[in-house]
Amino acid sequence: MSLQHRINNKRIAKNTLMLYFRMFLTMGVSLFTSRVVLNVLGVEDYGTYNVVGGVVAMFSLFTGSMSTAISRFLTYELGKGRTEKLTSVFSTSVNIQICMAIVITVLAEIGGMWFLDNHMNIPEGRMEAAHWVLHFSILTFAFNLISVSYNAAIIAHEHMSAFAYIGILEVVLKLVVVYLLYISPVDKLITYAFMLAAVAFVIRFIYGVYCSRNFEECHYRMVFDGRLLKQMTGFAGWNLLGTGAYLFNTQGVNIITNIFFGVTTNAARGVAGQVEGIIRQFVGSFTTALNPQITKSYAAGDMPYMYTLVCRGAKFSYFLMFIFAVPFMFETETIMYVWLKNYPPEAPLFLRLSMIGVLFDILGNSTANAVWATGRVRRYYIIVGAVGSLVFPISWLCFVLGGEAYVSYIVFMAVYFAVIFVKLYIVRGLINFPVRMFYRDVLLRIALVSVLAAVLPAVFYLCMDDMLSRCFAVCAVSLLSTSGLIYGIGLSQGERAMINGKIRTVLKRVR
């Protein structure tokens, strides 16, 4: 391994640790606040916030698309060493974001109000509160959209410590939100939506100040580069197709679930989505640190190292998710009881199925990052978007034919399992990616670990009766057996050597 590769790996490890620090704080507070919010709002209001917020989340596909485009172009220029173009990229991205924020806010207000009044299944007497939730959710969305360029700059420069430190402030603000929700004399659903918008404004403002002070290109200048504008909007437009497909498969299904089954089922989906989102953050901490290196290695023409990062990203993302998924699969009811006390009855089944679906989904993320690095995304998004978007119409058809609400999760699992191989096929043709390497080093290893890791937890689950002690036993055994199998079977010899080296370094420092 070259010196530069060792430096890059060290940077990835350091950034991952900083992001994990942020994530653990966020995860702990999210678990606590979601329990309090569910108890304070009640099942119906919690479900109402989840489904109305989902309407606005449909528009957030524009945020994700532009964030990916901006991050890719900034990271690519850094990898090429062309720092003079960074200012042009950043200022062009700000121009795009401001225009989009104005247009989408108007469309979201008009279209969202119409859909809410005419098609949503909202409990009697809660329509006015739902209107306020819609308004504040759109305001939150606008804050996030305008600030995308600054967040992308932090990722491109790999200043992950900024996320960690600002994350501490965000945690504190969310705890304040919970306290104010308890003592609020006005409608608590409206109060909750307003305070989340206020937190989003404060956090986004701080990110903007940090970037302006630390990155020269983040000082906005009046720049119009027609060629760059075309490239960025083209990249974002095709990315929008893929992001839109996923959003319809999640928030879109959430909306049709409301139409067919009501807000109580939406509350169950909201609880499952809360846990899923927290665990996705854990995985995202690793991929956020890894993705800039994939783009920079492509820009530098170091393809073997890029192939290694893609395989490593897919495998490690899966294992990070799998460590949490195993105990949740066995002890969902007990964990939810300890966490929430009272929870919607369908939530445990939804969570189990969503865990499997997410495991399939994240396996293809690093191959997507390889495609983003090339900038040639049209064919990728046409094919992946077409296959992935099948979740929404198939789920709708199943509901029409009398299927239960959980069927949508099974459809998601099946479609995104197929998407893994679709992505591999595309990336092979685009960058000559060694698919056999992916099968051997990723899919085969995770299949062996996944099957064997369930054996010991299943024995404890079947042989013990007391719920709480069994839950502790299953969680402990799951952690030990899964970690051991990942180390022994899931990792390659080189990856084990790298981890052993990191452990020895830490032990030396402790001594």
Protein backbone atom coordinates (compact mmCIF):
# COMPACT_ATOMS: atom_id res chain seq x y z
CA MET A 1 0.00 0.00 0.00
CA SER A 2 1.39 3.39 -0.99
CA LEU A 3 2.03 6.20 1.47
CA GLN A 4 -0.81 8.27 -0.02
CA HIS A 5 -3.23 5.36 0.37
CA ARG A 6 -2.23 4.97 4.02
CA ILE A 7 -2.79 8.71 4.56
CA ASN A 8 -6.21 8.48 2.88
CA ASN A 9 -7.20 5.46 4.97
CA LYS A 10 -6.12 7.29 8.12
CA ARG A 11 -8.20 10.30 7.10
CA ILE A 12 -11.22 8.08 6.46
CA ALA A 13 -10.82 6.45 9.89
CA LYS A 14 -10.44 9.80 11.66
CA ASN A 15 -13.42 11.34 9.91
CA THR A 16 -15.51 8.25 10.60
CA LEU A 17 -14.73 8.44 14.33
CA MET A 18 -15.71 12.11 14.43
CA LEU A 19 -18.98 11.37 12.66
CA TYR A 20 -19.66 8.43 14.99
CA PHE A 21 -19.19 10.74 17.96
CA ARG A 22 -21.86 13.00 16.52
CA MET A 23 -24.08 10.08 15.59
CA PHE A 24 -24.06 8.48 19.06
CA LEU A 25 -25.19 11.73 20.63
CA THR A 26 -27.87 12.18 17.99
CA MET A 27 -29.01 8.56 18.30
CA GLY A 28 -29.36 8.72 22.08
CA VAL A 29 -31.31 11.96 22.02
CA SER A 30 -33.49 10.80 19.09
CA LEU A 31 -34.48 7.63 20.94
CA PHE A 32 -35.38 9.67 24.02
CA THR A 33 -37.18 12.50 22.22
CA SER A 34 -39.18 10.18 19.94
CA ARG A 35 -40.56 8.42 23.00
CA VAL A 36 -41.48 11.72 24.65
CA VAL A 37 -42.98 13.16 21.45
CA LEU A 38 -45.11 10.04 20.87
CA ASN A 39 -46.39 10.17 24.46
CA VAL A 40 -47.04 13.93 24.44
CA LEU A 41 -48.64 14.14 20.99
CA GLY A 42 -50.47 10.82 21.11
CA VAL A 43 -50.71 8.24 18.34
CA GLU A 44 -53.08 10.26 16.11
CA ASP A 45 -51.14 13.55 16.22
CA TYR A 46 -47.85 11.69 15.81
CA GLY A 47 -49.25 9.93 12.77
CA THR A 48 -50.60 13.24 11.44
CA TYR A 49 -47.17 14.88 11.70
CA ASN A 50 -45.57 11.87 10.01
CA VAL A 51 -47.89 11.87 7.01
CA VAL A 52 -48.13 15.66 6.54
CA GLY A 53 -44.38 15.98 6.90
CA GLY A 54 -44.18 13.26 4.27
CA VAL A 55 -45.97 15.49 1.79
CA VAL A 56 -43.24 18.11 2.17
CA ALA A 57 -40.55 15.43 2.18
CA MET A 58 -41.66 14.62 -1.36
CA PHE A 59 -40.12 17.96 -2.36
CA SER A 60 -36.89 17.22 -0.47
CA LEU A 61 -35.78 15.09 -3.41
CA PHE A 62 -34.58 18.39 -4.92
CA THR A 63 -32.37 18.95 -1.84
CA GLY A 64 -30.77 15.52 -2.08
CA SER A 65 -30.21 15.80 -5.82
CA MET A 66 -28.47 19.15 -5.63
CA SER A 67 -26.44 18.16 -2.56
CA THR A 68 -25.05 15.17 -4.43
CA ALA A 69 -24.28 17.29 -7.51
CA ILE A 70 -22.57 20.09 -5.57
CA SER A 71 -20.55 17.69 -3.42
CA ARG A 72 -19.43 15.75 -6.50
CA PHE A 73 -18.26 18.83 -8.42
CA LEU A 74 -16.47 20.36 -5.43
CA THR A 75 -14.78 17.06 -4.54
CA TYR A 76 -13.80 16.40 -8.15
CA GLU A 77 -12.09 19.80 -8.46
CA LEU A 78 -10.25 19.21 -5.18
CA GLY A 79 -9.12 15.80 -6.46
CA LYS A 80 -7.86 17.42 -9.66
CA GLY A 81 -6.14 20.16 -7.66
CA ARG A 82 -7.99 22.93 -9.54
CA THR A 83 -8.76 25.17 -6.59
CA GLU A 84 -9.44 28.17 -8.82
CA LYS A 85 -12.66 26.54 -10.09
CA LEU A 86 -14.05 25.94 -6.60
CA THR A 87 -15.41 29.48 -6.28
CA SER A 88 -17.22 29.20 -9.58
CA VAL A 89 -18.74 25.84 -8.57
CA PHE A 90 -19.88 27.13 -5.18
CA SER A 91 -21.35 30.44 -6.40
CA THR A 92 -23.15 28.71 -9.27
CA SER A 93 -24.64 26.21 -6.82
CA VAL A 94 -25.93 29.01 -4.57
CA ASN A 95 -27.64 30.66 -7.54
CA ILE A 96 -29.37 27.38 -8.37
CA GLN A 97 -30.45 26.80 -4.77
CA ILE A 98 -32.02 30.24 -4.31
CA CYS A 99 -34.08 29.89 -7.50
CA MET A 100 -35.18 26.40 -6.54
CA ALA A 101 -36.13 27.45 -3.00
CA ILE A 102 -38.46 30.18 -4.28
CA VAL A 103 -40.14 28.02 -6.92
CA ILE A 104 -40.55 24.93 -4.75
CA THR A 105 -41.88 26.87 -1.75
CA VAL A 106 -44.67 28.31 -3.92
CA LEU A 107 -45.45 24.92 -5.49
CA ALA A 108 -45.36 23.14 -2.12
CA GLU A 109 -47.76 25.63 -0.53
CA ILE A 110 -50.27 25.45 -3.39
CA GLY A 111 -50.01 21.73 -4.15
CA GLY A 112 -49.59 20.68 -0.53
CA MET A 113 -52.66 22.57 0.69
CA TRP A 114 -54.78 21.18 -2.14
CA PHE A 115 -53.67 17.60 -1.48
CA LEU A 116 -54.09 17.97 2.28
CA ASP A 117 -57.63 19.34 2.00
CA ASN A 118 -58.87 16.95 -0.66
CA HIS A 119 -57.08 13.63 -0.31
CA MET A 120 -55.48 13.19 3.14
CA ASN A 121 -57.13 11.14 5.90
CA ILE A 122 -56.80 13.56 8.84
CA PRO A 123 -58.69 13.02 12.17
CA GLU A 124 -61.69 15.25 12.74
CA GLY A 125 -60.82 18.61 14.28
CA ARG A 126 -57.11 18.40 13.43
CA MET A 127 -57.12 19.91 9.94
CA GLU A 128 -56.08 23.40 11.10
CA ALA A 129 -53.14 21.94 13.03
CA ALA A 130 -52.23 19.90 9.93
CA HIS A 131 -52.17 23.14 7.91
CA TRP A 132 -49.66 24.67 10.34
CA VAL A 133 -47.54 21.52 10.23
CA LEU A 134 -47.46 21.85 6.45
CA HIS A 135 -46.42 25.52 6.57
CA PHE A 136 -43.61 24.96 9.09
CA SER A 137 -42.40 21.83 7.29
CA ILE A 138 -42.11 23.83 4.05
CA LEU A 139 -40.18 26.53 5.94
CA THR A 140 -37.81 23.89 7.31
CA PHE A 141 -37.35 22.54 3.81
CA ALA A 142 -36.49 26.00 2.45
CA PHE A 143 -33.81 26.51 5.14
CA ASN A 144 -32.26 23.16 4.30
CA LEU A 145 -32.33 23.75 0.55
CA ILE A 146 -30.60 27.14 0.66
CA SER A 147 -27.83 25.73 2.87
CA VAL A 148 -27.04 22.63 0.81
CA SER A 149 -24.00 24.27 -0.81
CA TYR A 150 -22.35 24.87 2.56
CA ASN A 151 -22.89 21.30 3.76
CA ALA A 152 -21.50 19.96 0.48
CA ALA A 153 -18.37 22.08 0.95
CA ILE A 154 -17.76 20.58 4.40
CA ILE A 155 -18.05 17.06 2.98
CA ALA A 156 -15.81 17.83 0.00
CA HIS A 157 -13.09 19.26 2.27
CA GLU A 158 -13.56 16.35 4.72
CA HIS A 159 -13.92 18.66 7.74
CA MET A 160 -16.08 16.09 9.52
CA SER A 161 -15.24 17.48 12.95
CA ALA A 162 -17.51 20.41 12.11
CA PHE A 163 -20.47 18.04 11.91
CA ALA A 164 -19.51 16.52 15.26
CA TYR A 165 -19.28 19.81 17.14
CA ILE A 166 -22.34 21.39 15.57
CA GLY A 167 -24.13 18.08 16.20
CA ILE A 168 -23.65 18.62 19.94
CA LEU A 169 -25.46 21.93 19.65
CA GLU A 170 -28.24 20.30 17.63
CA VAL A 171 -28.65 17.66 20.35
CA VAL A 172 -28.98 20.35 23.01
CA LEU A 173 -31.56 22.25 20.94
CA LYS A 174 -33.64 19.11 20.44
CA LEU A 175 -33.67 18.49 24.17
CA VAL A 176 -34.89 22.07 24.61
CA VAL A 177 -37.64 21.33 22.08
CA VAL A 178 -38.80 18.37 24.18
CA TYR A 179 -38.93 20.51 27.32
CA LEU A 180 -40.83 23.32 25.59
CA LEU A 181 -43.25 20.78 24.13
CA TYR A 182 -44.11 19.63 27.64
CA ILE A 183 -44.83 23.13 28.97
CA SER A 184 -46.39 24.64 25.82
CA PRO A 185 -49.85 26.09 26.54
CA VAL A 186 -50.83 26.04 22.85
CA ASP A 187 -51.52 23.17 20.48
CA LYS A 188 -48.59 20.77 20.95
CA LEU A 189 -48.57 19.51 17.36
CA ILE A 190 -48.23 23.07 16.05
CA THR A 191 -45.62 23.85 18.70
CA TYR A 192 -43.59 20.81 17.70
CA ALA A 193 -43.60 21.71 14.00
CA PHE A 194 -42.64 25.34 14.74
CA MET A 195 -39.76 24.44 17.04
CA LEU A 196 -38.29 21.96 14.56
CA ALA A 197 -38.30 24.72 11.94
CA ALA A 198 -36.53 27.04 14.39
CA VAL A 199 -33.85 24.43 15.13
CA ALA A 200 -33.29 23.88 11.40
CA PHE A 201 -32.80 27.64 10.90
CA VAL A 202 -30.25 27.94 13.71
CA ILE A 203 -28.22 24.88 12.63
CA ARG A 204 -28.18 25.87 8.98
CA PHE A 205 -27.08 29.41 9.86
CA ILE A 206 -24.16 28.07 11.88
CA TYR A 207 -23.06 25.78 9.03
CA GLY A 208 -23.06 28.79 6.73
CA VAL A 209 -20.92 30.88 9.10
CA TYR A 210 -18.43 28.01 9.54
CA CYS A 211 -17.97 27.52 5.81
CA SER A 212 -17.57 31.24 5.14
CA ARG A 213 -14.80 31.45 7.72
CA ASN A 214 -12.93 28.26 6.74
CA PHE A 215 -13.28 27.83 2.98
CA GLU A 216 -12.26 30.58 0.59
CA GLU A 217 -14.68 29.47 -2.14
CA CYS A 218 -17.65 29.83 0.23
CA HIS A 219 -17.62 33.61 -0.10
CA TYR A 220 -20.40 34.16 -2.60
CA ARG A 221 -19.59 36.06 -5.78
CA MET A 222 -21.79 36.99 -8.71
CA VAL A 223 -20.69 34.31 -11.18
CA PHE A 224 -22.45 33.00 -14.26
CA ASP A 225 -20.75 30.05 -15.94
CA GLY A 226 -23.19 28.71 -18.51
CA ARG A 227 -21.23 25.53 -19.19
CA LEU A 228 -20.86 24.71 -15.50
CA LEU A 229 -24.51 25.55 -14.86
CA LYS A 230 -25.54 23.10 -17.59
CA GLN A 231 -23.29 20.35 -16.20
CA MET A 232 -24.49 20.76 -12.62
CA THR A 233 -28.19 20.98 -13.44
CA GLY A 234 -27.85 18.02 -15.81
CA PHE A 235 -26.17 15.94 -13.11
CA ALA A 236 -28.76 17.03 -10.53
CA GLY A 237 -31.62 16.44 -12.95
CA TRP A 238 -30.69 12.82 -13.56
CA ASN A 239 -29.97 12.36 -9.88
CA LEU A 240 -33.45 13.74 -9.27
CA LEU A 241 -34.87 10.78 -11.17
CA GLY A 242 -33.18 8.28 -8.85
CA THR A 243 -33.89 10.26 -5.70
CA GLY A 244 -37.50 10.74 -6.74
CA ALA A 245 -37.95 7.01 -7.26
CA TYR A 246 -36.70 6.29 -3.73
CA LEU A 247 -38.81 9.05 -2.22
CA PHE A 248 -41.97 7.75 -3.87
CA ASN A 249 -41.06 4.32 -2.51
CA THR A 250 -40.95 5.67 1.04
CA GLN A 251 -42.93 8.89 1.53
CA GLY A 252 -45.19 8.10 -1.41
CA VAL A 253 -46.04 4.72 0.10
CA ASN A 254 -46.54 6.50 3.42
CA ILE A 255 -49.20 8.69 1.80
CA ILE A 256 -51.11 5.85 0.12
CA THR A 257 -50.89 3.94 3.41
CA ASN A 258 -52.70 6.87 5.01
CA ILE A 259 -55.36 6.77 2.31
CA PHE A 260 -56.00 3.04 2.72
CA PHE A 261 -55.33 2.48 6.46
CA GLY A 262 -55.39 5.84 8.34
CA VAL A 263 -53.07 7.73 10.70
CA THR A 264 -52.65 4.91 13.24
CA THR A 265 -50.84 2.82 10.63
CA ASN A 266 -48.86 5.94 9.69
CA ALA A 267 -47.80 6.20 13.32
CA ALA A 268 -46.53 2.61 13.16
CA ARG A 269 -44.59 3.43 10.00
CA GLY A 270 -43.29 6.57 11.71
CA VAL A 271 -41.93 4.59 14.68
CA ALA A 272 -40.29 2.03 12.39
CA GLY A 273 -38.90 4.85 10.25
CA GLN A 274 -37.48 6.58 13.33
CA VAL A 275 -35.41 3.53 14.27
CA GLU A 276 -34.45 2.92 10.65
CA GLY A 277 -33.35 6.53 10.27
CA ILE A 278 -31.17 6.39 13.39
CA ILE A 279 -29.39 3.25 12.20
CA ARG A 280 -29.00 4.73 8.71
CA GLN A 281 -27.20 7.64 10.37
CA PHE A 282 -24.76 5.15 11.87
CA VAL A 283 -24.02 3.70 8.44
CA GLY A 284 -24.06 7.16 6.86
CA SER A 285 -21.27 8.29 9.19
CA PHE A 286 -18.99 5.78 7.49
CA THR A 287 -20.12 6.42 3.91
CA THR A 288 -19.94 10.20 4.34
CA ALA A 289 -16.28 9.85 5.31
CA LEU A 290 -15.60 7.37 2.48
CA ASN A 291 -17.38 9.01 -0.47
CA PRO A 292 -14.98 11.95 -1.03
CA GLN A 293 -12.09 9.50 -1.33
CA ILE A 294 -13.93 7.54 -4.03
CA THR A 295 -14.40 10.70 -6.08
CA LYS A 296 -10.84 11.95 -5.49
CA SER A 297 -9.31 8.58 -6.42
CA TYR A 298 -11.29 8.60 -9.68
CA ALA A 299 -10.22 12.18 -10.42
CA ALA A 300 -6.59 11.18 -9.81
CA GLY A 301 -6.94 8.12 -12.09
CA ASP A 302 -6.20 5.64 -9.28
CA MET A 303 -8.78 3.04 -10.37
CA PRO A 304 -7.52 -0.01 -8.36
CA TYR A 305 -7.79 1.98 -5.13
CA MET A 306 -11.25 3.19 -6.18
CA TYR A 307 -12.40 -0.42 -6.79
CA THR A 308 -11.16 -1.37 -3.32
CA LEU A 309 -13.00 1.55 -1.71
CA VAL A 310 -16.26 0.66 -3.50
CA CYS A 311 -16.14 -2.96 -2.30
CA ARG A 312 -15.07 -1.95 1.19
CA GLY A 313 -17.80 0.68 1.38
CA ALA A 314 -20.54 -1.81 0.43
CA LYS A 315 -19.32 -4.50 2.80
CA PHE A 316 -18.66 -2.27 5.81
CA SER A 317 -21.98 -0.44 5.36
CA TYR A 318 -23.83 -3.75 5.40
CA PHE A 319 -22.00 -5.03 8.45
CA LEU A 320 -22.52 -1.80 10.40
CA MET A 321 -26.25 -2.09 9.75
CA PHE A 322 -26.32 -5.85 10.36
CA ILE A 323 -24.85 -5.55 13.87
CA PHE A 324 -27.98 -3.60 14.88
CA ALA A 325 -30.42 -5.57 12.74
CA VAL A 326 -29.85 -8.99 14.36
CA PRO A 327 -31.04 -8.13 17.91
CA PHE A 328 -33.87 -5.97 16.54
CA MET A 329 -35.09 -8.88 14.40
CA PHE A 330 -35.42 -11.13 17.45
CA GLU A 331 -36.40 -8.74 20.25
CA THR A 332 -38.36 -5.99 18.53
CA GLU A 333 -41.35 -6.06 20.90
CA THR A 334 -39.22 -5.97 24.05
CA ILE A 335 -36.97 -3.21 22.75
CA MET A 336 -39.99 -1.15 21.72
CA TYR A 337 -41.66 -1.67 25.09
CA VAL A 338 -38.56 -0.52 26.98
CA TRP A 339 -38.14 2.40 24.59
CA LEU A 340 -41.73 3.60 24.10
CA LYS A 341 -43.90 1.73 26.64
CA ASN A 342 -46.92 2.16 24.36
CA TYR A 343 -46.41 1.74 20.64
CA PRO A 344 -48.65 1.17 17.60
CA PRO A 345 -49.35 -2.60 17.29
CA GLU A 346 -48.06 -2.87 13.72
CA ALA A 347 -44.72 -1.18 14.48
CA PRO A 348 -42.67 -4.33 15.40
CA LEU A 349 -43.52 -6.11 12.14
CA PHE A 350 -42.87 -2.95 10.11
CA LEU A 351 -39.48 -2.50 11.78
CA ARG A 352 -38.38 -6.09 11.16
CA LEU A 353 -39.25 -5.87 7.48
CA SER A 354 -37.74 -2.41 7.06
CA MET A 355 -34.43 -3.64 8.49
CA ILE A 356 -34.15 -6.30 5.78
CA GLY A 357 -35.10 -3.79 3.09
CA VAL A 358 -32.47 -1.30 4.25
CA LEU A 359 -29.77 -4.00 4.27
CA PHE A 360 -30.48 -4.62 0.59
CA ASP A 361 -30.64 -0.90 -0.18
CA ILE A 362 -27.31 0.11 1.37
CA LEU A 363 -25.41 -2.65 -0.45
CA GLY A 364 -25.66 -0.65 -3.66
CA ASN A 365 -24.74 2.77 -2.25
CA SER A 366 -20.99 2.62 -2.84
CA THR A 367 -21.47 1.55 -6.47
CA ALA A 368 -23.71 4.58 -6.88
CA ASN A 369 -20.93 6.78 -5.49
CA ALA A 370 -18.57 5.36 -8.11
CA VAL A 371 -21.03 6.40 -10.83
CA TRP A 372 -21.37 9.89 -9.32
CA ALA A 373 -17.59 10.27 -9.41
CA THR A 374 -17.60 9.87 -13.20
CA GLY A 375 -20.32 12.48 -13.70
CA ARG A 376 -21.91 10.25 -16.37
CA VAL A 377 -25.13 9.44 -14.57
CA ARG A 378 -27.88 9.56 -17.22
CA ARG A 379 -27.97 5.85 -18.12
CA TYR A 380 -27.54 4.86 -14.48
CA TYR A 381 -30.51 6.86 -13.24
CA ILE A 382 -32.79 5.91 -16.12
CA ILE A 383 -32.32 2.20 -15.46
CA VAL A 384 -32.08 2.24 -11.66
CA GLY A 385 -34.91 4.77 -11.39
CA ALA A 386 -37.16 2.66 -13.63
CA VAL A 387 -36.55 -0.52 -11.61
CA GLY A 388 -36.59 1.13 -8.20
CA SER A 389 -39.79 3.09 -8.84
CA LEU A 390 -41.74 -0.19 -9.12
CA VAL A 391 -42.21 -0.21 -5.33
CA PHE A 392 -44.87 2.51 -5.38
CA PRO A 393 -47.21 1.14 -8.10
CA ILE A 394 -46.87 -2.48 -6.93
CA SER A 395 -47.65 -1.46 -3.34
CA TRP A 396 -50.64 0.57 -4.50
CA LEU A 397 -51.91 -2.38 -6.55
CA CYS A 398 -51.51 -4.71 -3.56
CA PHE A 399 -53.52 -2.31 -1.36
CA VAL A 400 -56.26 -2.07 -3.99
CA LEU A 401 -56.45 -5.88 -4.12
CA GLY A 402 -56.85 -6.06 -0.34
CA GLY A 403 -53.25 -6.54 0.80
CA GLU A 404 -52.24 -5.59 4.34
CA ALA A 405 -50.07 -2.56 5.08
CA TYR A 406 -46.94 -4.66 5.67
CA VAL A 407 -46.98 -5.86 2.05
CA SER A 408 -45.33 -2.60 0.94
CA TYR A 409 -42.21 -3.53 2.93
CA ILE A 410 -42.01 -6.93 1.22
CA VAL A 411 -42.31 -5.23 -2.16
CA PHE A 412 -39.49 -2.83 -1.18
CA MET A 413 -37.27 -5.75 -0.15
CA ALA A 414 -37.79 -7.61 -3.43
CA VAL A 415 -37.26 -4.59 -5.68
CA TYR A 416 -34.13 -3.32 -3.95
CA PHE A 417 -32.59 -6.78 -3.91
CA ALA A 418 -32.88 -6.71 -7.70
CA VAL A 419 -31.48 -3.17 -7.79
CA ILE A 420 -28.16 -4.41 -6.30
CA PHE A 421 -27.42 -6.40 -9.46
CA VAL A 422 -28.72 -3.68 -11.76
CA LYS A 423 -26.23 -1.23 -10.23
CA LEU A 424 -23.38 -3.71 -10.60
CA TYR A 425 -24.21 -4.24 -14.26
CA ILE A 426 -24.13 -0.49 -14.93
CA VAL A 427 -20.95 0.31 -13.02
CA ARG A 428 -19.13 -2.55 -14.76
CA GLY A 429 -19.79 -1.01 -18.15
CA LEU A 430 -19.03 2.52 -16.98
CA ILE A 431 -15.67 2.15 -15.21
CA ASN A 432 -14.76 -1.47 -16.01
CA PHE A 433 -15.59 -2.41 -12.43
CA PRO A 434 -14.55 -5.99 -11.51
CA VAL A 435 -17.93 -7.53 -10.64
CA ARG A 436 -16.37 -10.89 -9.72
CA MET A 437 -14.34 -9.06 -7.08
CA PHE A 438 -17.60 -7.69 -5.64
CA TYR A 439 -19.22 -11.14 -5.63
CA ARG A 440 -16.20 -12.73 -3.95
CA ASP A 441 -15.18 -10.04 -1.47
CA VAL A 442 -18.62 -8.61 -0.64
CA LEU A 443 -21.68 -10.74 -1.44
CA LEU A 444 -20.19 -14.14 -0.55
CA ARG A 445 -18.74 -12.91 2.74
CA ILE A 446 -21.89 -11.11 3.89
CA ALA A 447 -24.07 -14.12 2.96
CA LEU A 448 -21.97 -16.44 5.14
CA VAL A 449 -21.93 -13.98 8.05
CA SER A 450 -25.68 -13.32 7.79
CA VAL A 451 -26.63 -16.99 7.95
CA LEU A 452 -24.24 -18.01 10.73
CA ALA A 453 -24.81 -14.92 12.90
CA ALA A 454 -28.48 -15.81 13.46
CA VAL A 455 -27.79 -19.26 14.96
CA LEU A 456 -26.73 -18.43 18.54
CA PRO A 457 -29.26 -15.58 19.06
CA ALA A 458 -32.02 -17.93 17.83
CA VAL A 459 -31.01 -20.58 20.39
CA PHE A 460 -31.21 -18.09 23.28
CA TYR A 461 -34.47 -16.64 21.95
CA LEU A 462 -36.14 -20.07 21.78
CA CYS A 463 -34.77 -21.42 25.07
CA MET A 464 -35.47 -18.48 27.42
CA ASP A 465 -38.87 -17.29 28.65
CA ASP A 466 -38.37 -14.10 30.66
CA MET A 467 -38.64 -11.22 28.20
CA LEU A 468 -36.22 -8.73 29.75
CA SER A 469 -33.41 -11.16 30.64
CA ARG A 470 -33.85 -12.88 27.28
CA CYS A 471 -33.57 -9.53 25.52
CA PHE A 472 -30.27 -8.75 27.27
CA ALA A 473 -28.94 -12.23 26.51
CA VAL A 474 -29.95 -12.11 22.84
CA CYS A 475 -28.49 -8.62 22.36
CA ALA A 476 -25.19 -9.59 24.03
CA VAL A 477 -24.87 -12.86 22.12
CA SER A 478 -25.81 -11.12 18.87
CA LEU A 479 -23.12 -8.49 19.34
CA LEU A 480 -20.41 -11.02 20.20
CA SER A 481 -21.26 -13.63 17.57
CA THR A 482 -21.85 -11.07 14.79
CA SER A 483 -18.65 -9.16 15.56
CA GLY A 484 -16.61 -12.38 15.70
CA LEU A 485 -18.00 -13.66 12.42
CA ILE A 486 -17.46 -10.31 10.70
CA TYR A 487 -13.83 -10.30 11.86
CA GLY A 488 -13.19 -13.94 11.03
CA ILE A 489 -15.18 -14.37 7.80
CA GLY A 490 -16.40 -10.97 6.67
CA LEU A 491 -13.05 -9.20 6.51
CA SER A 492 -10.18 -9.96 4.17
CA GLN A 493 -6.70 -10.69 5.51
CA GLY A 494 -5.57 -7.18 4.65
CA GLU A 495 -8.58 -5.60 6.38
CA ARG A 496 -7.96 -7.67 9.51
CA ALA A 497 -4.31 -6.59 9.50
CA MET A 498 -5.38 -2.96 9.17
CA ILE A 499 -7.78 -3.26 12.13
CA ASN A 500 -5.16 -5.06 14.22
CA GLY A 501 -2.74 -2.24 13.51
CA LYS A 502 -5.28 0.37 14.61
CA ILE A 503 -5.95 -1.55 17.84
CA ARG A 504 -2.22 -1.83 18.60
CA THR A 505 -1.80 1.91 18.01
CA VAL A 506 -4.64 2.73 20.41
CA LEU A 507 -3.28 0.36 23.08
CA LYS A 508 0.17 1.94 22.84
CA ARG A 509 -1.31 5.37 23.38
CA VAL A 510 -3.31 4.15 26.39
CA ARG A 511 -0.19 2.64 27.97
